[in-house]
N, C-alpha and C. Protein backbone atom coordinates (compact mmCIF):
# COMPACT_ATOMS: atom_id res chain seq x y z
N UNK A 1 7.87 48.19 -40.59
CA UNK A 1 8.31 48.12 -39.22
C UNK A 1 9.83 48.28 -39.22
N UNK A 2 10.32 49.07 -38.29
CA UNK A 2 11.76 49.31 -38.25
C UNK A 2 12.48 48.11 -37.63
N UNK A 3 13.78 48.04 -37.88
CA UNK A 3 14.61 46.95 -37.36
C UNK A 3 14.62 46.98 -35.84
N UNK A 4 14.60 48.20 -35.26
CA UNK A 4 14.63 48.32 -33.81
C UNK A 4 13.35 47.74 -33.20
N UNK A 5 12.19 48.05 -33.79
CA UNK A 5 10.92 47.52 -33.29
C UNK A 5 10.86 46.00 -33.47
N UNK A 6 11.41 45.50 -34.55
CA UNK A 6 11.43 44.05 -34.80
C UNK A 6 12.27 43.35 -33.74
N UNK A 7 13.43 43.91 -33.40
CA UNK A 7 14.30 43.32 -32.37
C UNK A 7 13.62 43.31 -31.01
N UNK A 8 12.91 44.37 -30.68
CA UNK A 8 12.20 44.43 -29.40
C UNK A 8 11.11 43.37 -29.37
N UNK A 9 10.37 43.21 -30.46
CA UNK A 9 9.30 42.21 -30.55
C UNK A 9 9.87 40.80 -30.40
N UNK A 10 10.99 40.53 -31.06
CA UNK A 10 11.63 39.21 -30.96
C UNK A 10 12.08 38.94 -29.53
N UNK A 11 12.66 39.94 -28.87
CA UNK A 11 13.11 39.78 -27.49
C UNK A 11 11.93 39.50 -26.56
N UNK A 12 10.83 40.24 -26.72
CA UNK A 12 9.65 40.03 -25.88
C UNK A 12 9.10 38.62 -26.11
N UNK A 13 9.06 38.18 -27.35
CA UNK A 13 8.57 36.83 -27.66
C UNK A 13 9.45 35.78 -27.02
N UNK A 14 10.77 36.02 -27.03
CA UNK A 14 11.70 35.08 -26.41
C UNK A 14 11.48 34.98 -24.91
N UNK A 15 11.25 36.12 -24.25
CA UNK A 15 10.99 36.11 -22.81
C UNK A 15 9.68 35.37 -22.49
N UNK A 16 8.68 35.59 -23.29
CA UNK A 16 7.39 34.92 -23.07
C UNK A 16 7.56 33.40 -23.25
N UNK A 17 8.25 33.00 -24.30
CA UNK A 17 8.48 31.58 -24.55
C UNK A 17 9.29 30.94 -23.41
N UNK A 18 10.33 31.62 -22.96
CA UNK A 18 11.14 31.11 -21.86
C UNK A 18 10.30 30.98 -20.59
N UNK A 19 9.45 31.94 -20.33
CA UNK A 19 8.57 31.88 -19.15
C UNK A 19 7.61 30.71 -19.22
N UNK A 20 7.04 30.48 -20.39
CA UNK A 20 6.13 29.35 -20.55
C UNK A 20 6.85 28.01 -20.38
N UNK A 21 8.08 27.93 -20.89
CA UNK A 21 8.86 26.69 -20.74
C UNK A 21 9.18 26.44 -19.27
N UNK A 22 9.56 27.47 -18.53
CA UNK A 22 9.84 27.32 -17.10
C UNK A 22 8.60 26.88 -16.34
N UNK A 23 7.47 27.43 -16.70
CA UNK A 23 6.21 27.05 -16.06
C UNK A 23 5.90 25.58 -16.33
N UNK A 24 6.05 25.13 -17.56
CA UNK A 24 5.79 23.72 -17.91
C UNK A 24 6.75 22.79 -17.19
N UNK A 25 8.00 23.18 -17.07
CA UNK A 25 8.99 22.34 -16.39
C UNK A 25 8.79 22.31 -14.88
N UNK A 26 8.08 23.29 -14.34
CA UNK A 26 7.81 23.32 -12.91
C UNK A 26 6.81 22.25 -12.49
N UNK A 27 5.97 21.81 -13.43
CA UNK A 27 4.93 20.83 -13.14
C UNK A 27 5.00 19.67 -14.13
N UNK A 28 6.14 18.94 -14.21
CA UNK A 28 6.29 17.92 -15.23
C UNK A 28 5.33 16.75 -15.08
N UNK A 29 5.01 16.37 -13.85
CA UNK A 29 4.11 15.25 -13.65
C UNK A 29 2.73 15.51 -14.20
N UNK A 30 2.24 16.71 -14.01
CA UNK A 30 0.90 17.05 -14.47
C UNK A 30 0.83 17.16 -15.98
N UNK A 31 1.93 17.47 -16.62
CA UNK A 31 1.92 17.58 -18.08
C UNK A 31 1.73 16.22 -18.73
N UNK A 32 2.22 15.15 -18.10
CA UNK A 32 2.14 13.82 -18.68
C UNK A 32 1.17 12.91 -17.95
N UNK A 33 0.67 13.31 -16.80
CA UNK A 33 -0.15 12.44 -15.96
C UNK A 33 -1.61 12.46 -16.38
N UNK A 34 -2.26 11.35 -16.16
CA UNK A 34 -3.70 11.26 -16.33
C UNK A 34 -4.20 10.09 -15.51
N UNK A 35 -5.41 10.21 -15.07
CA UNK A 35 -6.05 9.14 -14.30
C UNK A 35 -6.34 7.96 -15.22
N UNK A 36 -6.57 6.78 -14.65
CA UNK A 36 -6.99 5.66 -15.49
C UNK A 36 -8.23 6.04 -16.28
N UNK A 37 -8.28 5.62 -17.53
CA UNK A 37 -9.43 5.95 -18.38
C UNK A 37 -10.65 5.10 -18.05
N UNK A 38 -10.41 3.83 -17.68
CA UNK A 38 -11.53 2.93 -17.42
C UNK A 38 -11.10 1.83 -16.45
N UNK A 39 -12.02 1.41 -15.60
CA UNK A 39 -11.81 0.28 -14.70
C UNK A 39 -13.09 -0.55 -14.75
N UNK A 40 -12.96 -1.85 -14.99
CA UNK A 40 -14.11 -2.75 -14.96
C UNK A 40 -13.79 -3.95 -14.08
N UNK A 41 -14.83 -4.52 -13.49
CA UNK A 41 -14.67 -5.65 -12.58
C UNK A 41 -15.46 -6.84 -13.08
N UNK A 42 -14.90 -8.02 -12.83
CA UNK A 42 -15.60 -9.28 -13.14
C UNK A 42 -15.17 -10.29 -12.08
N UNK A 43 -16.13 -11.07 -11.60
CA UNK A 43 -15.82 -12.09 -10.61
C UNK A 43 -16.16 -13.46 -11.18
N UNK A 44 -15.19 -14.37 -11.10
CA UNK A 44 -15.39 -15.74 -11.55
C UNK A 44 -15.55 -16.59 -10.29
N UNK A 45 -16.81 -16.97 -9.99
CA UNK A 45 -17.10 -17.71 -8.77
C UNK A 45 -16.41 -19.08 -8.70
N UNK A 46 -16.40 -19.88 -9.79
CA UNK A 46 -15.77 -21.20 -9.69
C UNK A 46 -14.28 -21.15 -9.31
N UNK A 47 -13.57 -20.12 -9.78
CA UNK A 47 -12.13 -20.02 -9.45
C UNK A 47 -11.88 -19.03 -8.31
N UNK A 48 -12.94 -18.40 -7.80
CA UNK A 48 -12.85 -17.40 -6.73
C UNK A 48 -11.83 -16.32 -7.08
N UNK A 49 -12.00 -15.76 -8.28
CA UNK A 49 -11.05 -14.77 -8.79
C UNK A 49 -11.76 -13.48 -9.17
N UNK A 50 -11.29 -12.37 -8.61
CA UNK A 50 -11.77 -11.05 -9.02
C UNK A 50 -10.80 -10.53 -10.06
N UNK A 51 -11.33 -10.12 -11.21
CA UNK A 51 -10.51 -9.57 -12.28
C UNK A 51 -10.80 -8.07 -12.41
N UNK A 52 -9.75 -7.28 -12.28
CA UNK A 52 -9.85 -5.82 -12.40
C UNK A 52 -9.14 -5.43 -13.69
N UNK A 53 -9.93 -4.99 -14.67
CA UNK A 53 -9.37 -4.59 -15.96
C UNK A 53 -9.26 -3.07 -15.98
N UNK A 54 -8.05 -2.59 -16.29
CA UNK A 54 -7.74 -1.16 -16.22
C UNK A 54 -7.24 -0.69 -17.58
N UNK A 55 -7.75 0.45 -18.02
CA UNK A 55 -7.21 1.10 -19.22
C UNK A 55 -6.45 2.34 -18.75
N UNK A 56 -5.13 2.31 -18.99
CA UNK A 56 -4.26 3.41 -18.57
C UNK A 56 -3.04 3.44 -19.50
N UNK A 57 -3.16 4.08 -20.67
CA UNK A 57 -2.03 4.12 -21.61
C UNK A 57 -0.85 4.89 -21.03
N UNK A 58 0.36 4.36 -21.26
CA UNK A 58 1.57 5.03 -20.81
C UNK A 58 2.75 4.55 -21.64
N UNK A 59 3.61 5.50 -22.01
CA UNK A 59 4.83 5.16 -22.72
C UNK A 59 5.98 4.86 -21.75
N UNK A 60 5.85 5.35 -20.54
CA UNK A 60 6.89 5.17 -19.51
C UNK A 60 6.29 4.35 -18.37
N UNK A 61 6.14 3.05 -18.58
CA UNK A 61 5.38 2.20 -17.67
C UNK A 61 6.04 1.93 -16.32
N UNK A 62 7.24 2.45 -16.07
CA UNK A 62 7.83 2.36 -14.74
C UNK A 62 7.95 3.73 -14.09
N UNK A 63 7.43 4.74 -14.76
CA UNK A 63 7.39 6.11 -14.22
C UNK A 63 5.93 6.56 -14.07
N UNK A 64 5.15 6.34 -15.10
CA UNK A 64 3.73 6.71 -15.13
C UNK A 64 2.94 5.42 -15.27
N UNK A 65 2.37 4.94 -14.16
CA UNK A 65 1.77 3.61 -14.14
C UNK A 65 0.68 3.54 -13.07
N UNK A 66 -0.03 2.43 -13.02
CA UNK A 66 -0.98 2.20 -11.94
C UNK A 66 -0.18 1.73 -10.73
N UNK A 67 -0.13 2.60 -9.74
CA UNK A 67 0.71 2.37 -8.56
C UNK A 67 0.05 1.42 -7.56
N UNK A 68 -1.26 1.52 -7.43
CA UNK A 68 -1.93 0.61 -6.49
C UNK A 68 -3.39 0.43 -6.88
N UNK A 69 -3.91 -0.69 -6.43
CA UNK A 69 -5.32 -1.00 -6.58
C UNK A 69 -5.85 -1.33 -5.19
N UNK A 70 -6.91 -0.65 -4.79
CA UNK A 70 -7.53 -0.91 -3.50
C UNK A 70 -8.89 -1.57 -3.73
N UNK A 71 -9.15 -2.63 -3.00
CA UNK A 71 -10.40 -3.37 -3.15
C UNK A 71 -11.12 -3.38 -1.80
N UNK A 72 -12.38 -2.96 -1.82
CA UNK A 72 -13.23 -2.99 -0.62
C UNK A 72 -14.35 -4.01 -0.86
N UNK A 73 -14.65 -4.76 0.18
CA UNK A 73 -15.76 -5.71 0.12
C UNK A 73 -16.83 -5.23 1.10
N UNK A 74 -18.02 -4.97 0.57
CA UNK A 74 -19.16 -4.51 1.39
C UNK A 74 -18.82 -3.26 2.22
N UNK A 75 -18.04 -2.35 1.63
CA UNK A 75 -17.72 -1.09 2.28
C UNK A 75 -16.67 -1.18 3.38
N UNK A 76 -16.19 -2.37 3.68
CA UNK A 76 -15.19 -2.53 4.74
C UNK A 76 -13.94 -3.17 4.19
N UNK A 77 -13.48 -4.21 4.82
CA UNK A 77 -12.33 -5.05 4.43
C UNK A 77 -11.56 -4.53 3.22
N UNK A 78 -10.62 -3.67 3.47
CA UNK A 78 -9.82 -3.06 2.40
C UNK A 78 -8.56 -3.87 2.17
N UNK A 79 -8.32 -4.20 0.90
CA UNK A 79 -7.06 -4.85 0.52
C UNK A 79 -6.36 -3.91 -0.47
N UNK A 80 -5.07 -3.74 -0.30
CA UNK A 80 -4.30 -2.87 -1.19
C UNK A 80 -3.22 -3.68 -1.87
N UNK A 81 -3.14 -3.53 -3.20
CA UNK A 81 -2.13 -4.22 -4.01
C UNK A 81 -1.25 -3.14 -4.63
N UNK A 82 0.05 -3.19 -4.36
CA UNK A 82 0.98 -2.14 -4.78
C UNK A 82 1.87 -2.66 -5.91
N UNK A 83 2.13 -1.79 -6.90
CA UNK A 83 2.91 -2.16 -8.08
C UNK A 83 4.02 -1.15 -8.33
N UNK A 84 5.10 -1.61 -8.99
CA UNK A 84 6.23 -0.75 -9.36
C UNK A 84 6.22 -0.38 -10.83
N UNK A 85 5.22 -0.82 -11.56
CA UNK A 85 5.08 -0.55 -12.98
C UNK A 85 3.81 -1.21 -13.46
N UNK A 86 3.55 -1.08 -14.76
CA UNK A 86 2.38 -1.72 -15.33
C UNK A 86 2.77 -2.36 -16.65
N UNK A 87 1.94 -3.28 -17.16
CA UNK A 87 2.24 -3.91 -18.46
C UNK A 87 2.36 -2.86 -19.57
N UNK A 88 3.04 -3.23 -20.64
CA UNK A 88 3.30 -2.31 -21.76
C UNK A 88 2.13 -2.18 -22.73
N UNK A 89 0.93 -2.53 -22.31
CA UNK A 89 -0.26 -2.39 -23.15
C UNK A 89 -1.23 -1.44 -22.46
N UNK A 90 -2.07 -0.72 -23.21
CA UNK A 90 -2.96 0.27 -22.60
C UNK A 90 -4.02 -0.34 -21.67
N UNK A 91 -4.52 -1.55 -22.01
CA UNK A 91 -5.54 -2.20 -21.21
C UNK A 91 -5.00 -3.53 -20.70
N UNK A 92 -5.09 -3.74 -19.41
CA UNK A 92 -4.53 -4.94 -18.79
C UNK A 92 -5.42 -5.35 -17.63
N UNK A 93 -5.26 -6.59 -17.16
CA UNK A 93 -6.09 -7.13 -16.09
C UNK A 93 -5.22 -7.67 -14.96
N UNK A 94 -5.56 -7.28 -13.74
CA UNK A 94 -4.96 -7.86 -12.55
C UNK A 94 -6.00 -8.80 -11.95
N UNK A 95 -5.55 -9.98 -11.52
CA UNK A 95 -6.45 -10.97 -10.94
C UNK A 95 -6.11 -11.19 -9.47
N UNK A 96 -7.15 -11.29 -8.64
CA UNK A 96 -6.97 -11.47 -7.21
C UNK A 96 -7.87 -12.61 -6.73
N UNK A 97 -7.28 -13.54 -6.02
CA UNK A 97 -8.07 -14.64 -5.45
C UNK A 97 -8.82 -14.11 -4.23
N UNK A 98 -10.15 -14.23 -4.27
CA UNK A 98 -11.00 -13.74 -3.19
C UNK A 98 -12.22 -14.63 -3.07
N UNK A 99 -12.56 -14.93 -1.86
CA UNK A 99 -13.79 -15.69 -1.63
C UNK A 99 -14.90 -14.67 -1.41
N UNK A 100 -15.80 -14.59 -2.38
CA UNK A 100 -16.92 -13.66 -2.32
C UNK A 100 -18.22 -14.45 -2.42
N UNK A 101 -19.28 -13.88 -1.88
CA UNK A 101 -20.57 -14.54 -1.89
C UNK A 101 -21.57 -13.72 -2.68
N UNK A 102 -22.62 -14.38 -3.20
CA UNK A 102 -23.67 -13.62 -3.88
C UNK A 102 -24.19 -12.52 -2.96
N UNK A 103 -24.35 -11.34 -3.52
CA UNK A 103 -24.80 -10.19 -2.76
C UNK A 103 -23.68 -9.30 -2.25
N UNK A 104 -22.44 -9.78 -2.27
CA UNK A 104 -21.32 -8.93 -1.87
C UNK A 104 -21.16 -7.78 -2.85
N UNK A 105 -20.85 -6.62 -2.32
CA UNK A 105 -20.58 -5.44 -3.14
C UNK A 105 -19.09 -5.15 -3.12
N UNK A 106 -18.52 -5.09 -4.30
CA UNK A 106 -17.08 -4.88 -4.45
C UNK A 106 -16.85 -3.48 -5.03
N UNK A 107 -15.84 -2.80 -4.48
CA UNK A 107 -15.41 -1.52 -5.02
C UNK A 107 -13.91 -1.60 -5.22
N UNK A 108 -13.45 -1.34 -6.43
CA UNK A 108 -12.01 -1.34 -6.71
C UNK A 108 -11.62 0.04 -7.22
N UNK A 109 -10.53 0.55 -6.70
CA UNK A 109 -10.04 1.87 -7.08
C UNK A 109 -8.60 1.75 -7.56
N UNK A 110 -8.33 2.20 -8.79
CA UNK A 110 -6.99 2.16 -9.37
C UNK A 110 -6.39 3.57 -9.30
N UNK A 111 -5.14 3.65 -8.81
CA UNK A 111 -4.47 4.93 -8.61
C UNK A 111 -3.28 5.07 -9.55
N UNK A 112 -3.20 6.18 -10.29
CA UNK A 112 -2.05 6.49 -11.14
C UNK A 112 -0.89 6.92 -10.25
N UNK A 113 0.33 6.60 -10.65
CA UNK A 113 1.51 6.97 -9.88
C UNK A 113 1.74 8.49 -9.87
N UNK A 114 1.17 9.19 -10.84
CA UNK A 114 1.40 10.63 -10.92
C UNK A 114 0.16 11.47 -10.59
N UNK A 115 -1.01 11.02 -11.05
CA UNK A 115 -2.19 11.87 -10.88
C UNK A 115 -3.47 11.09 -11.12
N UNK A 116 -4.38 11.15 -10.19
CA UNK A 116 -5.74 10.69 -10.39
C UNK A 116 -6.00 9.22 -10.09
N UNK A 117 -7.28 8.90 -10.07
CA UNK A 117 -7.72 7.54 -9.83
C UNK A 117 -9.08 7.32 -10.47
N UNK A 118 -9.49 6.07 -10.52
CA UNK A 118 -10.79 5.71 -11.09
C UNK A 118 -11.33 4.54 -10.29
N UNK A 119 -12.65 4.54 -10.06
CA UNK A 119 -13.29 3.52 -9.24
C UNK A 119 -14.34 2.78 -10.05
N UNK A 120 -14.47 1.49 -9.75
CA UNK A 120 -15.53 0.66 -10.35
C UNK A 120 -16.17 -0.15 -9.24
N UNK A 121 -17.44 -0.53 -9.44
CA UNK A 121 -18.15 -1.33 -8.45
C UNK A 121 -18.77 -2.54 -9.14
N UNK A 122 -19.02 -3.57 -8.33
CA UNK A 122 -19.65 -4.79 -8.83
C UNK A 122 -20.46 -5.42 -7.70
N UNK A 123 -21.68 -5.80 -8.02
CA UNK A 123 -22.49 -6.58 -7.09
C UNK A 123 -22.36 -8.03 -7.53
N UNK A 124 -21.84 -8.88 -6.66
CA UNK A 124 -21.63 -10.29 -7.00
C UNK A 124 -22.99 -10.97 -7.08
N UNK A 125 -23.23 -11.65 -8.18
CA UNK A 125 -24.50 -12.36 -8.35
C UNK A 125 -24.24 -13.87 -8.27
N UNK A 126 -25.29 -14.63 -8.19
CA UNK A 126 -25.17 -16.09 -8.12
C UNK A 126 -24.47 -16.60 -9.35
N UNK A 127 -24.74 -15.99 -10.51
CA UNK A 127 -24.18 -16.47 -11.77
C UNK A 127 -22.92 -15.73 -12.20
N UNK A 128 -22.24 -15.03 -11.28
CA UNK A 128 -21.02 -14.29 -11.67
C UNK A 128 -20.02 -15.24 -12.28
N UNK A 129 -19.58 -14.89 -13.46
CA UNK A 129 -18.58 -15.67 -14.16
C UNK A 129 -17.98 -14.83 -15.25
């Protein structure tokens, strides 16, 4: 291959690489964002506490974090809990004092600050603990 053809190939590769870098920088949130991996619910009847356990790994816990958790009781009564960051561990639990009765259906939805959400449901039983 001649030196001239090699230079042209290198230049074309450089333009392609620069274009890909510009494209990646245009959507920085999506490059690092992901929805919560898992959400589980548990209700402790004696203490009237709903525990929402969320798995959402992040290295930048004040930039990429669980921004809010919404809790619905029996498809209505929506409560929203808003956060400015998340704990520095991949799996963590938020606890909410709530008076719930056997048969109540709970839905909790955790929202990432950058992208996506995950929902979990729980039917409160007599023996919830």
